[in-house]
Protein backbone atom coordinates (compact mmCIF):
# COMPACT_ATOMS: atom_id res chain seq x y z
CA MET A 1 103.33 -158.76 -126.83
CA LYS A 2 101.75 -161.99 -127.93
CA THR A 3 99.36 -161.51 -130.81
CA ARG A 4 96.68 -163.74 -132.23
CA ILE A 5 95.51 -163.97 -135.81
CA VAL A 6 91.84 -163.58 -136.60
CA LEU A 7 90.82 -164.83 -140.02
CA GLY A 8 87.56 -163.98 -141.75
CA ILE A 9 86.90 -164.93 -145.33
CA CYS A 10 83.76 -164.78 -147.49
CA ILE A 11 83.83 -167.10 -150.46
CA SER A 12 81.64 -169.14 -152.74
CA LEU A 13 82.20 -172.81 -151.97
CA LEU A 14 83.20 -175.45 -154.47
CA VAL A 15 82.45 -178.87 -153.05
CA ALA A 16 83.74 -182.00 -154.70
CA GLY A 17 84.39 -185.56 -153.56
CA SER A 18 87.13 -187.97 -154.42
CA LEU A 19 85.98 -190.91 -156.51
CA SER A 20 88.53 -193.36 -155.18
CA ALA A 21 90.96 -193.73 -152.29
CA ALA A 22 94.11 -191.68 -152.81
CA THR A 23 96.59 -189.33 -151.19
CA ARG A 24 95.30 -185.81 -151.82
CA THR A 25 97.85 -183.02 -151.55
CA PHE A 26 96.91 -179.40 -150.92
CA THR A 27 99.26 -177.18 -152.91
CA GLY A 28 97.71 -173.73 -152.46
CA VAL A 29 98.57 -172.81 -156.05
CA VAL A 30 95.51 -170.51 -156.26
CA ASP A 31 94.66 -169.49 -152.70
CA GLN A 32 94.53 -170.82 -149.13
CA LEU A 33 91.06 -172.37 -149.29
CA TRP A 34 90.46 -176.08 -148.85
CA SER A 35 87.16 -175.66 -150.71
CA ASN A 36 88.86 -174.51 -153.95
CA ALA A 37 89.25 -177.57 -156.17
CA ASP A 38 92.08 -175.85 -158.09
CA ASN A 39 94.28 -176.28 -154.99
CA TRP A 40 93.98 -180.09 -155.29
CA ASP A 41 93.95 -182.82 -157.85
CA ALA A 42 90.53 -183.49 -156.26
CA ILE A 43 88.95 -182.31 -153.03
CA PRO A 44 89.41 -185.21 -150.58
CA GLY A 45 86.65 -187.57 -149.51
CA PRO A 46 86.09 -190.17 -146.77
CA ASP A 47 88.58 -192.70 -148.21
CA ASP A 48 91.43 -190.26 -148.83
CA LYS A 49 94.61 -189.37 -147.00
CA VAL A 50 95.30 -185.62 -146.89
CA ARG A 51 98.54 -183.69 -146.57
CA VAL A 52 99.30 -179.98 -146.92
CA ARG A 53 102.21 -178.89 -149.11
CA SER A 54 101.80 -175.14 -149.40
CA GLU A 55 103.79 -172.09 -148.37
CA LYS A 56 100.79 -170.62 -146.54
CA PRO A 57 98.30 -172.40 -144.29
CA CYS A 58 95.34 -174.27 -145.72
CA ILE A 59 92.07 -172.80 -144.40
CA ILE A 60 88.75 -174.59 -143.86
CA ASP A 61 85.70 -172.37 -143.35
CA TYR A 62 82.85 -174.74 -144.29
CA ASP A 63 81.72 -178.33 -143.67
CA ALA A 64 84.52 -180.29 -145.34
CA GLY A 65 82.95 -183.59 -144.37
CA VAL A 66 84.95 -186.75 -143.64
CA ILE A 67 88.44 -187.76 -144.69
CA ASN A 68 90.26 -190.99 -143.96
CA GLN A 69 93.55 -189.56 -142.67
CA TYR A 70 95.32 -186.27 -142.14
CA VAL A 71 99.10 -186.44 -141.96
CA GLY A 72 101.65 -183.68 -141.38
CA GLU A 73 104.95 -185.19 -142.41
CA GLY A 74 108.29 -184.51 -144.03
CA ASP A 75 110.32 -181.37 -144.53
CA THR A 76 107.45 -179.32 -145.97
CA ILE A 77 105.61 -178.11 -142.87
CA GLY A 78 101.87 -178.77 -143.06
CA HIS A 79 99.67 -176.05 -141.52
CA LEU A 80 95.88 -176.46 -141.41
CA ILE A 81 93.52 -173.84 -139.93
CA LEU A 82 89.84 -174.23 -139.09
CA ILE A 83 87.83 -171.03 -138.62
CA ASP A 84 84.18 -170.28 -137.87
CA GLY A 85 81.89 -172.46 -139.94
CA ALA A 86 84.48 -175.22 -140.35
CA GLN A 87 83.71 -178.90 -139.87
CA LEU A 88 86.15 -181.76 -140.43
CA SER A 89 86.08 -185.37 -139.25
CA VAL A 90 89.19 -187.55 -139.56
CA ARG A 91 87.92 -191.09 -139.38
CA THR A 92 91.07 -193.21 -138.84
CA TRP A 93 94.34 -191.32 -138.18
CA ASN A 94 95.06 -187.65 -137.59
CA ILE A 95 98.85 -187.44 -137.26
CA ILE A 96 100.22 -183.92 -136.75
CA GLY A 97 103.96 -184.46 -137.08
CA TYR A 98 104.40 -188.02 -138.30
CA ASN A 99 107.98 -187.06 -138.97
CA GLY A 100 109.96 -183.95 -139.87
CA GLY A 101 109.72 -180.42 -138.59
CA GLU A 102 111.78 -178.56 -136.01
CA PRO A 103 111.13 -177.24 -132.49
CA ASP A 104 110.28 -173.80 -133.91
CA ALA A 105 108.72 -175.02 -137.17
CA ARG A 106 106.17 -177.71 -136.37
CA HIS A 107 103.47 -179.43 -138.34
CA THR A 108 100.39 -177.62 -137.02
CA ILE A 109 96.61 -177.68 -136.89
CA GLU A 110 94.91 -174.58 -135.50
CA VAL A 111 91.24 -174.86 -134.55
CA LEU A 112 90.24 -171.20 -134.24
CA GLY A 113 86.55 -171.92 -134.84
CA GLY A 114 84.33 -174.73 -135.97
CA VAL A 115 84.76 -178.38 -135.03
CA LEU A 116 87.51 -180.94 -135.60
CA ASN A 117 86.45 -184.50 -134.82
CA GLY A 118 88.75 -187.42 -134.21
CA GLY A 119 86.48 -190.11 -135.63
CA HIS A 120 82.98 -190.10 -137.10
CA PRO A 121 79.75 -191.86 -136.04
CA ASP A 122 79.66 -193.78 -139.33
CA TYR A 123 83.10 -195.27 -138.60
CA SER A 124 83.00 -196.20 -134.94
CA HIS A 125 86.03 -197.18 -132.84
CA GLN A 126 88.40 -195.17 -135.04
CA GLY A 127 89.76 -191.64 -135.09
CA ARG A 128 93.01 -191.64 -133.15
CA THR A 129 94.92 -188.35 -133.01
CA ASN A 130 98.69 -188.10 -132.59
CA ILE A 131 100.54 -184.83 -132.05
CA GLY A 132 104.26 -185.42 -132.58
CA ARG A 133 104.36 -189.10 -133.58
CA GLN A 134 108.02 -189.23 -134.60
CA GLY A 135 108.41 -185.58 -135.55
CA TYR A 136 107.35 -182.17 -134.26
CA GLY A 137 103.61 -181.50 -133.95
CA HIS A 138 101.46 -178.69 -132.59
CA LEU A 139 97.69 -178.56 -131.96
CA ILE A 140 96.28 -175.11 -131.13
CA ILE A 141 92.68 -174.61 -129.97
CA ASP A 142 91.55 -171.00 -129.62
CA TYR A 143 88.53 -168.67 -129.72
CA ASN A 144 85.44 -170.81 -130.41
CA GLY A 145 87.32 -173.87 -131.63
CA GLN A 146 86.27 -177.35 -130.54
CA VAL A 147 88.14 -180.63 -130.81
CA ASN A 148 86.27 -183.85 -130.02
CA MET A 149 87.79 -187.29 -129.50
CA LEU A 150 84.92 -189.64 -130.28
CA TYR A 151 86.35 -193.16 -129.96
CA GLN A 152 90.13 -193.15 -129.55
CA ASN A 153 92.72 -191.55 -127.29
CA MET A 154 94.81 -188.49 -128.07
CA ASN A 155 98.54 -189.17 -128.00
CA VAL A 156 101.11 -186.39 -127.58
CA GLY A 157 104.82 -187.08 -128.07
CA TYR A 158 103.76 -190.65 -128.60
CA ASP A 159 106.56 -192.51 -130.32
CA ASP A 160 110.34 -192.66 -130.05
CA GLY A 161 111.57 -189.12 -130.72
CA GLY A 162 108.09 -187.66 -131.03
CA ASP A 163 107.65 -184.10 -129.76
CA GLY A 164 104.13 -182.74 -129.38
CA ILE A 165 102.53 -179.60 -127.98
CA VAL A 166 98.84 -179.00 -127.33
CA ASP A 167 97.89 -175.35 -126.65
CA VAL A 168 94.36 -174.87 -125.33
CA ARG A 169 94.19 -171.07 -125.63
CA GLY A 170 90.41 -170.95 -125.98
CA GLY A 171 87.51 -173.15 -126.92
CA VAL A 172 87.22 -176.76 -125.79
CA LEU A 173 89.24 -179.96 -126.03
CA ASN A 174 86.58 -182.59 -125.36
CA LEU A 175 88.04 -186.03 -124.65
CA GLY A 176 84.79 -187.53 -123.42
CA PRO A 177 85.54 -191.05 -122.14
CA GLN A 178 88.91 -191.05 -123.90
CA THR A 179 92.34 -190.32 -122.43
CA ILE A 180 95.20 -188.01 -123.39
CA ASN A 181 98.56 -189.80 -123.29
CA LEU A 182 101.57 -187.53 -122.79
CA ALA A 183 105.09 -188.72 -123.72
CA THR A 184 104.36 -192.40 -123.09
CA HIS A 185 107.18 -193.77 -125.27
CA ALA A 186 110.97 -193.62 -125.04
CA ASN A 187 112.43 -190.20 -125.82
CA GLY A 188 108.98 -188.73 -126.45
CA LYS A 189 108.35 -185.16 -125.37
CA ALA A 190 104.95 -183.61 -124.64
CA LYS A 191 103.43 -180.41 -123.33
CA LEU A 192 99.78 -179.59 -122.61
CA ASP A 193 99.27 -175.90 -121.83
CA PHE A 194 96.10 -174.03 -120.88
CA SER A 195 95.79 -170.31 -121.52
CA GLY A 196 92.11 -169.52 -121.90
CA GLY A 197 90.32 -172.72 -122.93
CA VAL A 198 89.25 -175.89 -121.14
CA MET A 199 89.66 -179.64 -121.44
CA THR A 200 86.75 -181.87 -120.49
CA GLN A 201 87.05 -185.57 -119.77
CA ALA A 202 84.88 -188.27 -118.20
CA TYR A 203 85.84 -188.64 -114.54
CA SER A 204 87.81 -191.57 -113.20
CA ASP A 205 90.21 -191.81 -110.28
CA GLY A 206 92.94 -192.88 -112.68
CA ARG A 207 92.46 -189.92 -115.03
CA LEU A 208 92.45 -187.47 -112.11
CA ALA A 209 95.63 -189.01 -110.71
CA SER A 210 97.30 -188.86 -114.14
CA ILE A 211 96.44 -185.17 -114.57
CA ASN A 212 97.81 -184.32 -111.13
CA ASP A 213 100.99 -186.31 -111.80
CA HIS A 214 101.56 -184.42 -115.06
CA ILE A 215 100.96 -181.08 -113.33
CA ALA A 216 103.55 -182.00 -110.70
CA ALA A 217 105.99 -183.06 -113.43
CA GLY A 218 105.47 -179.86 -115.44
CA THR A 219 104.02 -181.68 -118.45
CA ILE A 220 100.66 -179.94 -117.94
CA THR A 221 101.04 -176.19 -117.43
CA ALA A 222 99.07 -172.96 -117.50
CA TYR A 223 100.19 -169.98 -119.60
CA GLY A 224 103.62 -171.48 -120.25
CA ALA A 225 106.54 -169.39 -119.07
CA ILE A 226 104.94 -165.96 -118.95
CA THR A 227 107.28 -163.48 -117.32
CA ALA A 228 110.32 -163.50 -115.12
CA SER A 229 108.51 -161.58 -112.37
CA TYR A 230 105.14 -163.36 -112.35
CA GLY A 231 106.06 -166.86 -113.47
CA THR A 232 103.64 -169.37 -114.86
CA GLY A 233 99.96 -169.69 -114.17
CA THR A 234 98.07 -172.25 -112.14
CA VAL A 235 96.38 -175.34 -113.58
CA ILE A 236 92.86 -175.64 -112.19
CA VAL A 237 91.27 -179.11 -112.01
CA GLU A 238 87.58 -179.28 -111.18
CA THR A 239 85.09 -182.14 -110.96
CA VAL A 240 81.53 -181.33 -112.02
CA GLU A 241 79.30 -184.37 -111.52
CA ASP A 242 80.99 -187.06 -113.67
CA THR A 243 83.22 -184.71 -115.70
CA LEU A 244 86.78 -183.52 -115.15
CA ILE A 245 87.38 -179.93 -116.23
CA VAL A 246 90.94 -178.63 -116.62
CA LYS A 247 91.83 -175.01 -117.31
CA GLY A 248 94.48 -172.40 -116.56
CA LEU A 249 94.51 -169.37 -114.29
CA HIS A 250 96.88 -166.52 -115.14
CA PRO A 251 98.82 -165.00 -112.20
CA PHE A 252 97.04 -161.70 -112.88
CA ASN A 253 93.64 -163.30 -112.14
CA PRO A 254 92.06 -161.34 -115.02
CA VAL A 255 88.42 -160.31 -114.83
CA PRO A 256 86.62 -161.01 -117.13
CA GLU A 257 88.43 -164.32 -117.23
CA ASP A 258 90.52 -165.11 -120.28
CA ASN A 259 88.33 -166.40 -123.13
CA GLY A 260 85.28 -165.72 -120.96
CA ASP A 261 82.27 -163.53 -121.48
CA THR A 262 80.38 -160.73 -119.79
CA VAL A 263 77.27 -158.64 -120.27
CA PRO A 264 77.67 -155.66 -122.63
CA GLY A 265 77.75 -152.11 -121.38
CA SER A 266 80.02 -150.73 -118.69
CA THR A 267 82.66 -153.40 -118.01
CA THR A 268 85.37 -153.34 -115.38
CA LEU A 269 88.71 -154.89 -116.29
CA GLU A 270 90.52 -156.12 -113.20
CA TRP A 271 93.89 -157.73 -112.51
CA THR A 272 96.13 -158.63 -109.58
CA VAL A 273 99.70 -157.40 -109.31
CA ASP A 274 101.99 -156.50 -106.42
CA ALA A 275 101.01 -153.35 -104.56
CA GLY A 276 102.40 -150.21 -106.18
CA THR A 277 103.25 -151.90 -109.49
CA LEU A 278 103.01 -149.51 -112.42
CA VAL A 279 101.12 -150.82 -115.45
CA ASP A 280 100.16 -149.98 -119.00
CA VAL A 281 96.82 -151.39 -120.14
CA PHE A 282 95.87 -151.89 -123.78
CA PHE A 283 92.36 -152.52 -125.09
CA GLY A 284 90.88 -153.19 -128.52
CA THR A 285 88.77 -155.37 -130.79
CA LYS A 286 91.63 -157.13 -132.57
CA ALA A 287 94.43 -159.26 -131.17
CA ASP A 288 97.02 -157.33 -133.17
CA LEU A 289 98.79 -154.79 -130.94
CA THR A 290 98.67 -152.18 -133.70
CA ASP A 291 94.89 -151.90 -133.19
CA PHE A 292 95.10 -151.49 -129.41
CA THR A 293 94.40 -148.29 -127.51
CA LYS A 294 96.46 -147.59 -124.42
CA ILE A 295 93.82 -146.87 -121.73
CA VAL A 296 96.19 -146.86 -118.73
CA ASN A 297 99.62 -145.22 -118.96
CA LYS A 298 102.15 -146.16 -116.26
CA GLN A 299 99.79 -146.02 -113.29
CA ALA A 300 99.62 -148.04 -110.07
CA VAL A 301 96.04 -149.28 -110.58
CA THR A 302 94.39 -152.71 -110.65
CA SER A 303 91.19 -151.94 -112.56
CA VAL A 304 89.79 -149.75 -115.30
CA ASN A 305 86.31 -149.31 -116.80
CA VAL A 306 85.59 -149.76 -120.51
CA THR A 307 82.44 -149.70 -122.62
CA THR A 308 81.49 -152.81 -124.57
CA VAL A 309 78.78 -153.64 -127.08
CA ALA A 310 76.93 -156.91 -127.61
CA LYS A 311 78.29 -159.63 -129.91
CA GLN A 312 81.82 -158.19 -129.90
CA ARG A 313 85.04 -159.93 -128.84
CA TYR A 314 87.54 -157.72 -127.03
CA PHE A 315 91.26 -158.08 -126.36
CA TRP A 316 93.29 -156.51 -123.57
CA ALA A 317 96.75 -156.73 -122.06
CA VAL A 318 98.50 -155.55 -118.92
CA ASP A 319 102.18 -154.60 -119.23
CA THR A 320 104.07 -154.20 -115.95
CA TYR A 321 107.08 -152.14 -114.89
CA ALA A 322 109.72 -153.53 -112.57
CA PRO A 323 110.68 -151.07 -109.79
CA GLY A 324 112.63 -148.21 -111.35
CA ALA A 325 112.38 -149.62 -114.87
CA ALA A 326 111.75 -147.27 -117.78
CA VAL A 327 110.54 -150.00 -120.14
CA SER A 328 107.56 -152.23 -119.41
CA GLU A 329 107.52 -156.00 -119.38
CA ILE A 330 105.12 -157.15 -122.08
CA GLY A 331 102.10 -159.12 -120.92
CA ILE A 332 99.94 -161.74 -122.56
CA VAL A 333 96.79 -160.81 -124.48
CA PHE A 334 93.53 -161.77 -122.78
CA ASP A 335 90.20 -161.87 -124.59
CA PHE A 336 86.50 -161.96 -123.72
CA THR A 337 83.17 -161.57 -125.48
CA ALA A 338 80.46 -159.08 -124.54
CA ASP A 339 77.14 -160.82 -124.97
CA ASN A 340 73.78 -161.44 -123.43
CA GLN A 341 74.18 -164.16 -120.81
CA PRO A 342 71.90 -167.21 -120.72
CA PRO A 343 69.42 -167.27 -117.85
CA VAL A 344 70.47 -169.36 -114.87
CA ALA A 345 67.66 -171.70 -113.85
CA ASN A 346 67.52 -173.40 -110.46
CA ALA A 347 64.79 -176.02 -110.14
CA GLY A 348 65.36 -176.37 -106.40
CA ASP A 349 66.39 -179.25 -104.18
CA ASP A 350 65.41 -182.86 -104.74
CA VAL A 351 62.37 -184.01 -102.77
CA THR A 352 61.56 -187.23 -100.92
CA THR A 353 57.86 -187.68 -100.16
CA TRP A 354 55.02 -190.24 -99.86
CA LEU A 355 51.45 -190.82 -100.93
CA GLU A 356 48.47 -190.05 -98.75
CA ASN A 357 45.09 -191.29 -99.94
CA GLY A 358 46.63 -192.23 -103.27
CA SER A 359 48.36 -188.96 -104.21
CA VAL A 360 50.63 -186.15 -103.03
CA ASP A 361 51.02 -182.49 -103.97
CA VAL A 362 54.62 -181.23 -104.08
CA ALA A 363 55.49 -177.54 -104.12
CA LEU A 364 57.91 -176.52 -106.88
CA ALA A 365 60.03 -173.50 -105.96
CA GLY A 366 62.25 -172.66 -108.91
CA THR A 367 64.26 -169.49 -109.43
CA VAL A 368 65.70 -167.78 -112.51
CA THR A 369 68.59 -165.32 -112.52
CA ASP A 370 68.87 -163.05 -115.57
CA VAL A 371 69.14 -159.35 -116.32
CA ASP A 372 66.44 -159.67 -118.99
CA PRO A 373 62.77 -160.68 -118.65
CA THR A 374 62.38 -164.44 -118.99
CA THR A 375 59.66 -167.00 -119.55
CA THR A 376 59.61 -170.23 -117.58
CA VAL A 377 58.27 -173.69 -118.29
CA TRP A 378 58.19 -176.87 -116.19
CA THR A 379 58.20 -180.24 -117.94
CA VAL A 380 58.18 -183.85 -116.75
CA VAL A 381 61.30 -185.51 -118.13
CA SER A 382 60.51 -188.97 -116.77
CA GLN A 383 58.02 -190.62 -114.40
CA PRO A 384 57.13 -194.12 -113.17
CA ASP A 385 55.57 -196.41 -115.76
CA ASP A 386 52.42 -197.29 -113.83
CA PRO A 387 49.33 -197.90 -116.00
CA ASN A 388 47.12 -197.82 -112.92
CA SER A 389 48.11 -194.29 -111.92
CA PRO A 390 47.47 -191.02 -113.78
CA ASP A 391 50.39 -189.01 -115.12
CA ALA A 392 51.89 -186.20 -113.11
CA VAL A 393 49.95 -182.94 -113.34
CA ILE A 394 51.68 -179.55 -113.04
CA ALA A 395 49.23 -176.90 -111.86
CA ASP A 396 50.82 -174.03 -113.82
CA PRO A 397 53.79 -175.11 -115.99
CA ALA A 398 54.60 -171.46 -116.84
CA ALA A 399 55.05 -170.37 -113.20
CA SER A 400 58.41 -170.76 -111.46
CA ASN A 401 56.53 -171.43 -108.20
CA THR A 402 53.75 -173.96 -108.64
CA THR A 403 52.67 -177.45 -107.52
CA ILE A 404 52.71 -180.90 -109.07
CA THR A 405 50.32 -183.76 -108.23
CA LEU A 406 51.82 -187.25 -108.19
CA SER A 407 49.98 -190.57 -107.89
CA ALA A 408 52.51 -193.34 -108.57
CA LEU A 409 55.38 -194.75 -106.53
CA GLY A 410 58.85 -194.17 -107.90
CA GLU A 411 61.11 -191.49 -109.35
CA TYR A 412 59.97 -188.36 -111.15
CA VAL A 413 62.49 -186.10 -112.94
CA LEU A 414 61.34 -182.55 -113.61
CA GLN A 415 63.01 -179.83 -115.66
CA MET A 416 62.59 -176.10 -115.34
CA GLY A 417 63.57 -174.18 -118.45
CA ALA A 418 64.04 -170.42 -118.77
CA ASP A 419 64.17 -168.35 -121.97
CA ASP A 420 65.12 -164.68 -122.32
CA GLY A 421 64.23 -164.57 -125.99
CA GLU A 422 67.77 -165.30 -127.16
CA TYR A 423 69.33 -167.86 -124.87
CA GLN A 424 67.96 -170.65 -122.74
CA GLY A 425 68.91 -172.15 -119.40
CA GLU A 426 67.61 -175.25 -117.66
CA ASP A 427 67.92 -177.28 -114.49
CA THR A 428 66.43 -180.54 -113.24
CA MET A 429 65.27 -181.88 -109.89
CA THR A 430 64.13 -185.32 -108.76
CA ILE A 431 61.12 -186.32 -106.66
CA ASN A 432 61.10 -189.79 -105.10
CA VAL A 433 57.66 -190.97 -104.01
CA PHE A 434 57.19 -193.78 -101.46
CA SER A 435 54.20 -195.60 -100.03
CA ASP A 436 54.40 -193.99 -96.57
CA HIS A 437 56.48 -191.70 -94.42
CA CYS A 438 58.54 -194.56 -93.01
CA GLU A 439 59.63 -195.93 -96.38
CA ALA A 440 60.49 -192.39 -97.41
CA ALA A 441 62.63 -191.92 -94.30
CA LYS A 442 64.41 -195.24 -94.85
CA SER A 443 65.50 -194.10 -98.32
CA LEU A 444 67.50 -191.19 -96.94
CA PRO A 445 71.25 -191.57 -96.36
CA GLY A 446 72.14 -192.22 -92.74
CA TRP A 447 68.71 -193.45 -91.63
CA ILE A 448 68.94 -195.51 -88.42
CA ALA A 449 66.04 -197.22 -86.69
CA SER A 450 65.24 -196.08 -83.16
CA PRO A 451 66.19 -198.50 -80.35
CA GLY A 452 63.14 -200.66 -79.70
CA ASP A 453 61.70 -200.29 -83.21
CA ILE A 454 61.69 -204.05 -83.70
CA ASN A 455 59.36 -204.14 -86.70
CA LEU A 456 61.12 -201.16 -88.37
CA ASP A 457 57.91 -199.19 -88.90
CA CYS A 458 59.59 -195.98 -87.65
CA VAL A 459 57.51 -196.00 -84.42
CA VAL A 460 58.28 -197.62 -81.05
CA ASP A 461 54.82 -198.76 -79.86
CA GLN A 462 52.72 -201.65 -78.55
CA LEU A 463 53.44 -203.77 -81.63
CA ASP A 464 57.13 -203.76 -80.78
CA ILE A 465 56.33 -204.77 -77.17
CA VAL A 466 54.22 -207.71 -78.39
CA ILE A 467 57.10 -208.90 -80.56
CA LEU A 468 59.47 -208.48 -77.62
CA ILE A 469 57.23 -210.51 -75.26
CA GLU A 470 56.71 -213.26 -77.86
CA ASN A 471 60.46 -213.68 -78.05
CA TRP A 472 61.23 -213.11 -74.36
CA LEU A 473 64.22 -215.19 -73.18
CA GLU A 474 64.56 -216.82 -76.61
CA CYS A 475 68.19 -217.89 -76.97
CA THR A 476 70.03 -218.09 -80.27
CA GLY A 477 73.53 -218.66 -78.91
CA LEU A 478 75.68 -221.77 -79.36
CA ASP A 479 75.40 -222.76 -75.68
CA CYS A 480 71.72 -222.15 -74.98
CA PRO A 481 70.04 -224.29 -72.27
CA ASP A 482 67.45 -226.81 -73.46
CA ALA A 483 64.71 -225.00 -71.59
CA LEU A 484 64.42 -221.82 -69.60
């Protein structure tokens, strides 16, 4: 069964900065901590290149600041791990596998918690990340880890002979407006696999087409090659407003979803297998199988109830038996967190309206979904800049259902926020105010004037007839008679 390593370390931090640009090598002669100056000639700073030359991984569990470059290269395999509390920004080049390594022994960065940034706001237009430049590289994102590409693309299997793997097992790979390039050079090899986490990217038709092409080619996968009987998972590509979201769905359709969350208390674990399939189910608070409890023993079931407590991460696995088999086929480990869920605020639909006698009252009908009591507040995010009109007035900002009085023409953006005492949720809605009902109607998609509405005032009446009579028999063709 696949296991995952959870690292937790409490230390006193020694923070030092390099005084001049240099190549700083982590040796791990004392321990595995980046923050321990005795593991370096000097703890690296923003002008330094960093490499790891230690038998065990180098661990970051604090804000390590900015370095110039990180390079995994050569025969000594560099292995860097970020855990909760970690922060590291690589301002120019982050090359995981510049050269060296083997298919089963790759230069690796694991982001199990904290944040790894490609680039830094103080050094704009830099921060490129390569996984497998000319050697073997591996980027793993899991648990609460986050990787951000601020200014440059991420390249995987980028150069001649480069071989790179990106495993998004949890957390987020945030490309923003950047692109991920997979095996774009001769003899380059690349794999992007999703097994619990997500990748976000600014939407474009080209990026969407590239993702779909890589899925079809098998370069982007979900859950790798899982089992002989259930095969690989499905890559899910969603578009939410202007963002592309890519994630994986396991063939078991686990509930709670892998790397997801749920409310604490009585929790139902669910999975999908062929009818009559016998399963073993394991459950525990650590990814290591030795800590698991077998809660289902060779039964033909597709769900089981467990009890969870708040602020705890849980791990579970479903092992399946082929028909007549005495030994189970080992399944992947899923994980989820039991926690209070943020309230879901819904500010309601956008509104198109118009002024009457210089103002208009608009009903606000917001809703909040949450298991806990919540407080609500309406705020005006933006409104027309009209010095001759008073600002918008919300009758009762603390009520989900209230009214707002508007006196200026233009766009108002309102936000409804909800707070359950621990987490917050919010949603916005837009109100467009016009001078009259006709101008409001014209602003709506698909508006078409009625036949005979010559002056386009949204009413067919005597004014249109007058215009028609005034222009009766008027000819605008190329062969009109001189007089009619």
